Amino acid sequence: MSPPPPGPRATRREWIGLAVLALPCLLYSMNLTVLNLALPRLSEDLTRAPDGTSPAAGAREPELRKRPACSTSSSGTVRETGPP
């Protein structure tokens, strides 16, 4: 049994179309990679005090725990409370 004949080959226009679709995907994935690598440093720089010292880890935790994110009313429905 012989193999089936090969199908039609892609033309130049089809290769250009593939490149037009693949290039933005490649650039987007590179952008996400760079962002994920730089995010810890950016976060550290944004939370640093004006004198250049870094605040203690978890310094904002008590502030965030003051109020629950949602509460239950007397009828049993859950509602969001929002920021203080």
C-alpha atoms as a PDB file:
ATOM      1  CA  MET A   1       0.000   0.000   0.000  1.00  0.00           C
ATOM      2  CA  SER A   2       1.478   3.343  -0.998  1.00  0.00           C
ATOM      3  CA  PRO A   3       1.186   6.505   1.116  1.00  0.00           C
ATOM      4  CA  PRO A   4      -1.456   9.044   0.079  1.00  0.00           C
ATOM      5  CA  PRO A   5      -0.278  11.914  -2.130  1.00  0.00           C
ATOM      6  CA  PRO A   6       0.666  15.089  -0.233  1.00  0.00           C
ATOM      7  CA  GLY A   7      -1.958  17.825  -0.009  1.00  0.00           C
ATOM      8  CA  PRO A   8      -1.574  21.291  -1.481  1.00  0.00           C
ATOM      9  CA  ARG A   9       1.314  23.325  -0.107  1.00  0.00           C
ATOM     10  CA  ALA A  10       0.802  26.639   1.666  1.00  0.00           C
ATOM     11  CA  THR A  11       1.244  29.707  -0.475  1.00  0.00           C
ATOM     12  CA  ARG A  12       3.181  32.836   0.415  1.00  0.00           C
ATOM     13  CA  ARG A  13      -0.059  34.590   1.364  1.00  0.00           C
ATOM     14  CA  GLU A  14      -0.952  31.847   3.846  1.00  0.00           C
ATOM     15  CA  TRP A  15       2.512  32.003   5.457  1.00  0.00           C
ATOM     16  CA  ILE A  16       2.176  35.784   5.818  1.00  0.00           C
ATOM     17  CA  GLY A  17      -1.251  35.285   7.411  1.00  0.00           C
ATOM     18  CA  LEU A  18       0.240  32.808   9.869  1.00  0.00           C
ATOM     19  CA  ALA A  19       3.015  35.277  10.733  1.00  0.00           C
ATOM     20  CA  VAL A  20       0.480  38.083  11.236  1.00  0.00           C
ATOM     21  CA  LEU A  21      -1.419  35.891  13.708  1.00  0.00           C
ATOM     22  CA  ALA A  22       1.600  34.360  15.456  1.00  0.00           C
ATOM     23  CA  LEU A  23       3.671  37.524  15.974  1.00  0.00           C
ATOM     24  CA  PRO A  24       1.196  39.271  18.328  1.00  0.00           C
ATOM     25  CA  CYS A  25       0.856  36.026  20.323  1.00  0.00           C
ATOM     26  CA  LEU A  26       4.636  35.833  20.680  1.00  0.00           C
ATOM     27  CA  LEU A  27       4.918  39.493  21.723  1.00  0.00           C
ATOM     28  CA  TYR A  28       2.073  39.104  24.237  1.00  0.00           C
ATOM     29  CA  SER A  29       3.677  36.043  25.837  1.00  0.00           C
ATOM     30  CA  MET A  30       7.032  37.846  26.060  1.00  0.00           C
ATOM     31  CA  ASN A  31       5.293  40.826  27.675  1.00  0.00           C
ATOM     32  CA  LEU A  32       3.668  38.583  30.299  1.00  0.00           C
ATOM     33  CA  THR A  33       6.987  36.886  31.019  1.00  0.00           C
ATOM     34  CA  VAL A  34       8.756  40.202  31.550  1.00  0.00           C
ATOM     35  CA  LEU A  35       5.897  41.459  33.714  1.00  0.00           C
ATOM     36  CA  ASN A  36       5.924  38.338  35.893  1.00  0.00           C
ATOM     37  CA  LEU A  37       9.678  38.627  36.354  1.00  0.00           C
ATOM     38  CA  ALA A  38       9.533  42.342  37.164  1.00  0.00           C
ATOM     39  CA  LEU A  39       6.385  42.350  39.319  1.00  0.00           C
ATOM     40  CA  PRO A  40       8.067  41.506  42.653  1.00  0.00           C
ATOM     41  CA  ARG A  41      10.550  44.336  42.190  1.00  0.00           C
ATOM     42  CA  LEU A  42       7.857  46.784  41.076  1.00  0.00           C
ATOM     43  CA  SER A  43       5.719  45.868  44.069  1.00  0.00           C
ATOM     44  CA  GLU A  44       8.666  46.349  46.403  1.00  0.00           C
ATOM     45  CA  ASP A  45       9.461  49.748  44.876  1.00  0.00           C
ATOM     46  CA  LEU A  46       5.843  50.891  45.177  1.00  0.00           C
ATOM     47  CA  THR A  47       5.603  49.930  48.864  1.00  0.00           C
ATOM     48  CA  ARG A  48       8.968  51.375  49.843  1.00  0.00           C
ATOM     49  CA  ALA A  49       8.875  54.350  52.196  1.00  0.00           C
ATOM     50  CA  PRO A  50      10.228  57.749  51.022  1.00  0.00           C
ATOM     51  CA  ASP A  51      13.362  57.291  53.116  1.00  0.00           C
ATOM     52  CA  GLY A  52      14.204  54.140  51.130  1.00  0.00           C
ATOM     53  CA  THR A  53      13.361  51.597  53.802  1.00  0.00           C
ATOM     54  CA  SER A  54      11.045  48.722  53.089  1.00  0.00           C
ATOM     55  CA  PRO A  55       8.075  48.349  55.436  1.00  0.00           C
ATOM     56  CA  ALA A  56       7.858  45.233  57.582  1.00  0.00           C
ATOM     57  CA  ALA A  57       6.176  42.256  55.966  1.00  0.00           C
ATOM     58  CA  GLY A  58       2.508  42.139  56.840  1.00  0.00           C
ATOM     59  CA  ALA A  59       2.396  45.675  58.230  1.00  0.00           C
ATOM     60  CA  ARG A  60      -0.961  46.286  56.532  1.00  0.00           C
ATOM     61  CA  GLU A  61      -2.549  43.015  57.635  1.00  0.00           C
ATOM     62  CA  PRO A  62      -4.220  44.389  60.803  1.00  0.00           C
ATOM     63  CA  GLU A  63      -5.613  47.260  58.749  1.00  0.00           C
ATOM     64  CA  LEU A  64      -7.137  44.836  56.264  1.00  0.00           C
ATOM     65  CA  ARG A  65      -8.604  42.610  58.976  1.00  0.00           C
ATOM     66  CA  LYS A  66     -10.647  45.375  60.626  1.00  0.00           C
ATOM     67  CA  ARG A  67     -13.754  44.630  58.598  1.00  0.00           C
ATOM     68  CA  PRO A  68     -14.932  41.483  56.837  1.00  0.00           C
ATOM     69  CA  ALA A  69     -15.306  41.629  53.076  1.00  0.00           C
ATOM     70  CA  CYS A  70     -18.938  40.596  53.330  1.00  0.00           C
ATOM     71  CA  SER A  71     -21.576  40.244  56.007  1.00  0.00           C
ATOM     72  CA  THR A  72     -24.779  38.303  56.471  1.00  0.00           C
ATOM     73  CA  SER A  73     -27.993  40.204  57.048  1.00  0.00           C
ATOM     74  CA  SER A  74     -30.804  39.037  59.339  1.00  0.00           C
ATOM     75  CA  SER A  75     -32.647  37.588  56.333  1.00  0.00           C
ATOM     76  CA  GLY A  76     -29.666  35.359  55.545  1.00  0.00           C
ATOM     77  CA  THR A  77     -28.550  37.121  52.374  1.00  0.00           C
ATOM     78  CA  VAL A  78     -24.876  37.910  51.934  1.00  0.00           C
ATOM     79  CA  ARG A  79     -23.926  41.430  50.945  1.00  0.00           C
ATOM     80  CA  GLU A  80     -20.562  43.040  50.246  1.00  0.00           C
ATOM     81  CA  THR A  81     -19.533  45.740  52.673  1.00  0.00           C
ATOM     82  CA  GLY A  82     -16.936  47.477  50.481  1.00  0.00           C
ATOM     83  CA  PRO A  83     -13.922  49.472  51.640  1.00  0.00           C
ATOM     84  CA  PRO A  84     -14.087  51.362  54.971  1.00  0.00           C
END
